[in-house]
Amino acid sequence: MLLGLYRWKGWDLVEVNPVPRKCVILGAPHTSNWDFIFFLGATAERGIKPSFMGKLSLFKWPMTRFMYDMGGIAVDRSKRANYVDQVVTEFDRREDLALVIAPEGTRGSITAWRSGFYHIAHGAGVPIVPAWVDNAARIGGIGPAILPTGDFAADLRQIALYYRSVLPGHPKLAVLFAQAGLLTGADHA
């Protein structure tokens, strides 16, 4: 059904790089609930089964089966182990896990990207795959895998350079570009 909606709305995946069996996929910029429809349609078309994190309470009856079938990973916030450790353990348990994370953490205003995606990828020893969507043009892409080195600032800059190459003037990405030290005077105009 979602693949049909994706095609009916006329979205197109214009850039496709290989997606490793285990990875953290960044969904950015996160601007609309339609991002979810686009991404599910695009991944289904490519044969990728994406997963996502959700708080444990979302996985209670009557939603239990639905949430797991949709690729959900329940994170128990009451446990001593933080959510990063819980998800790293999930990567260890599975042969395939393409975890989708919106690094902005919200569709609203932000001052910086959150770093949880990075700590999960680095802790699990899996690459980060930057993916993007342009809702206005109804296009998106899956970028090249980037293996985290442990140097968050340097790796974030590499991620930002990629996003800048595909969506250079996107206002929602200005925070990322600033965080990575890529803003110039022209970017503020």
Protein backbone atom coordinates (compact mmCIF):
# COMPACT_ATOMS: atom_id res chain seq x y z
CA MET A 1 0.00 0.00 0.00
CA LEU A 2 2.78 2.50 0.90
CA LEU A 3 4.68 1.67 -2.28
CA GLY A 4 1.50 2.39 -4.24
CA LEU A 5 1.05 5.76 -2.48
CA TYR A 6 4.72 6.60 -3.14
CA ARG A 7 4.30 5.90 -6.85
CA TRP A 8 0.89 7.58 -7.06
CA LYS A 9 2.28 10.79 -5.53
CA GLY A 10 4.99 10.76 -8.22
CA TRP A 11 8.11 10.68 -6.07
CA ASP A 12 11.34 9.52 -7.64
CA LEU A 13 14.59 8.22 -6.19
CA VAL A 14 17.23 10.05 -8.25
CA GLU A 15 20.39 8.91 -6.46
CA VAL A 16 20.96 5.38 -5.22
CA ASN A 17 24.15 4.19 -3.61
CA PRO A 18 24.50 0.68 -2.17
CA VAL A 19 23.03 0.27 1.30
CA PRO A 20 25.02 -2.07 3.58
CA ARG A 21 23.17 -4.88 5.38
CA LYS A 22 23.87 -3.12 8.67
CA CYS A 23 23.87 0.68 8.80
CA VAL A 24 22.36 3.82 10.24
CA ILE A 25 20.41 5.69 7.56
CA LEU A 26 20.00 9.42 8.15
CA GLY A 27 16.71 10.87 6.98
CA ALA A 28 17.26 14.59 6.40
CA PRO A 29 16.00 17.17 6.20
CA HIS A 30 12.98 16.14 8.26
CA THR A 31 10.31 18.64 7.22
CA SER A 32 7.04 16.75 6.85
CA ASN A 33 5.18 13.55 7.71
CA TRP A 34 5.37 12.85 3.96
CA ASP A 35 9.10 12.16 4.49
CA PHE A 36 8.03 8.88 6.09
CA ILE A 37 5.86 7.89 3.09
CA PHE A 38 8.60 8.81 0.63
CA PHE A 39 11.22 6.90 2.56
CA LEU A 40 9.14 3.76 3.02
CA GLY A 41 8.24 3.76 -0.68
CA ALA A 42 11.82 4.37 -1.78
CA THR A 43 13.25 1.67 0.47
CA ALA A 44 10.56 -0.83 -0.54
CA GLU A 45 11.36 -0.14 -4.18
CA ARG A 46 15.04 -0.90 -3.44
CA GLY A 47 14.29 -4.02 -1.37
CA ILE A 48 15.48 -2.46 1.90
CA LYS A 49 13.52 -3.14 5.10
CA PRO A 50 14.07 -0.08 7.30
CA SER A 51 13.87 -0.12 11.08
CA PHE A 52 13.26 2.67 13.55
CA MET A 53 13.52 3.24 17.30
CA GLY A 54 10.50 3.88 19.50
CA LYS A 55 9.89 4.15 23.20
CA LEU A 56 8.77 0.89 24.78
CA SER A 57 5.29 2.21 25.60
CA LEU A 58 4.52 2.40 21.84
CA PHE A 59 5.02 -1.37 21.62
CA LYS A 60 2.27 -2.25 24.10
CA TRP A 61 -0.93 -4.03 23.13
CA PRO A 62 -2.80 -3.44 20.83
CA MET A 63 0.09 -1.95 18.78
CA THR A 64 2.73 -4.59 19.57
CA ARG A 65 2.62 -6.66 16.38
CA PHE A 66 2.11 -3.63 14.13
CA MET A 67 5.12 -1.78 15.56
CA TYR A 68 7.45 -4.78 15.22
CA ASP A 69 6.13 -5.60 11.73
CA MET A 70 6.84 -2.01 10.66
CA GLY A 71 10.48 -2.50 11.73
CA GLY A 72 10.29 -0.98 15.17
CA ILE A 73 12.95 -1.45 17.82
CA ALA A 74 11.62 -0.88 21.33
CA VAL A 75 13.88 1.22 23.54
CA ASP A 76 13.30 1.02 27.28
CA ARG A 77 14.11 4.42 28.77
CA SER A 78 13.75 3.10 32.33
CA LYS A 79 16.71 0.69 32.01
CA ARG A 80 20.13 1.62 33.27
CA ALA A 81 21.59 1.04 29.80
CA ASN A 82 21.02 4.11 27.66
CA TYR A 83 19.24 3.88 24.33
CA VAL A 84 22.53 3.96 22.39
CA ASP A 85 23.74 0.81 24.18
CA GLN A 86 20.35 -0.88 23.68
CA VAL A 87 20.44 -0.23 19.93
CA VAL A 88 24.11 -1.25 19.61
CA THR A 89 23.11 -4.56 21.26
CA GLU A 90 20.31 -4.89 18.68
CA PHE A 91 22.89 -4.46 15.89
CA ASP A 92 24.96 -7.26 17.48
CA ARG A 93 21.91 -9.58 17.52
CA ARG A 94 20.95 -9.16 13.86
CA GLU A 95 22.44 -10.01 10.49
CA ASP A 96 20.54 -7.18 8.80
CA LEU A 97 19.57 -3.84 10.34
CA ALA A 98 19.04 -0.63 8.40
CA LEU A 99 18.12 1.78 11.20
CA VAL A 100 16.55 5.04 10.04
CA ILE A 101 17.09 8.08 12.23
CA ALA A 102 16.07 11.71 11.73
CA PRO A 103 19.18 13.36 13.22
CA GLU A 104 17.34 16.63 13.78
CA GLY A 105 15.06 14.82 16.23
CA THR A 106 12.06 16.93 15.20
CA ARG A 107 10.41 18.67 12.27
CA GLY A 108 10.54 21.93 14.25
CA SER A 109 13.36 24.41 14.82
CA ILE A 110 16.66 23.14 16.16
CA THR A 111 20.03 24.61 17.12
CA ALA A 112 22.14 21.51 16.29
CA TRP A 113 21.86 17.96 15.05
CA ARG A 114 21.68 15.39 17.82
CA SER A 115 24.61 12.99 18.08
CA GLY A 116 22.81 9.75 19.02
CA PHE A 117 22.87 8.47 15.42
CA TYR A 118 26.63 8.87 15.41
CA HIS A 119 27.21 7.12 18.73
CA ILE A 120 25.00 4.22 17.64
CA ALA A 121 26.85 3.79 14.32
CA HIS A 122 30.28 4.13 15.91
CA GLY A 123 29.41 1.80 18.81
CA ALA A 124 28.00 -0.83 16.46
CA GLY A 125 30.84 -0.42 13.96
CA VAL A 126 28.43 0.23 11.09
CA PRO A 127 28.41 2.91 8.40
CA ILE A 128 26.19 5.98 8.28
CA VAL A 129 24.20 6.35 5.05
CA PRO A 130 22.95 9.88 4.38
CA ALA A 131 19.55 9.90 2.66
CA TRP A 132 17.60 12.96 1.61
CA VAL A 133 14.24 14.08 0.35
CA ASP A 134 13.10 17.23 -1.42
CA ASN A 135 9.33 17.31 -0.90
CA ALA A 136 8.80 20.27 -3.22
CA ALA A 137 10.41 18.46 -6.17
CA ARG A 138 9.24 15.01 -4.98
CA ILE A 139 12.72 13.54 -5.33
CA GLY A 140 15.20 11.99 -2.98
CA GLY A 141 18.36 9.97 -2.81
CA ILE A 142 20.53 7.58 -0.88
CA GLY A 143 24.12 8.78 -0.53
CA PRO A 144 27.39 6.92 -0.07
CA ALA A 145 28.09 5.05 3.17
CA ILE A 146 30.40 6.84 5.61
CA LEU A 147 32.18 4.77 8.27
CA PRO A 148 32.50 6.75 11.52
CA THR A 149 36.09 7.24 12.65
CA GLY A 150 35.42 8.30 16.24
CA ASP A 151 36.06 11.96 15.38
CA PHE A 152 32.49 13.32 15.50
CA ALA A 153 33.39 16.80 14.24
CA ALA A 154 35.33 15.50 11.21
CA ASP A 155 32.71 12.89 10.35
CA LEU A 156 29.86 15.40 10.75
CA ARG A 157 31.70 17.69 8.35
CA GLN A 158 31.89 14.86 5.79
CA ILE A 159 28.15 14.23 6.20
CA ALA A 160 27.43 17.96 5.89
CA LEU A 161 29.55 18.23 2.73
CA TYR A 162 27.47 15.46 1.18
CA TYR A 163 24.15 17.12 2.09
CA ARG A 164 25.47 20.45 0.84
CA SER A 165 26.26 18.83 -2.52
CA VAL A 166 22.67 17.58 -3.02
CA LEU A 167 20.62 20.27 -1.20
CA PRO A 168 22.94 23.30 -1.02
CA GLY A 169 20.39 25.99 -0.21
CA HIS A 170 17.95 24.03 1.94
CA PRO A 171 17.10 26.22 4.96
CA LYS A 172 16.50 23.23 7.26
CA LEU A 173 20.11 22.09 6.67
CA ALA A 174 21.65 25.47 7.60
CA VAL A 175 21.96 24.28 11.22
CA LEU A 176 23.98 21.25 10.08
CA PHE A 177 26.17 23.38 7.81
CA ALA A 178 26.84 25.81 10.69
CA GLN A 179 27.51 22.96 13.15
CA ALA A 180 30.05 21.52 10.70
CA GLY A 181 31.68 24.91 10.06
CA LEU A 182 30.53 25.17 6.44
CA LEU A 183 28.57 28.44 6.49
CA THR A 184 29.91 31.36 4.51
CA GLY A 185 28.70 34.95 4.23
CA ALA A 186 26.68 33.96 1.15
CA ASP A 187 24.85 31.33 3.20
CA HIS A 188 23.45 34.00 5.51
CA ALA A 189 21.98 36.11 2.67
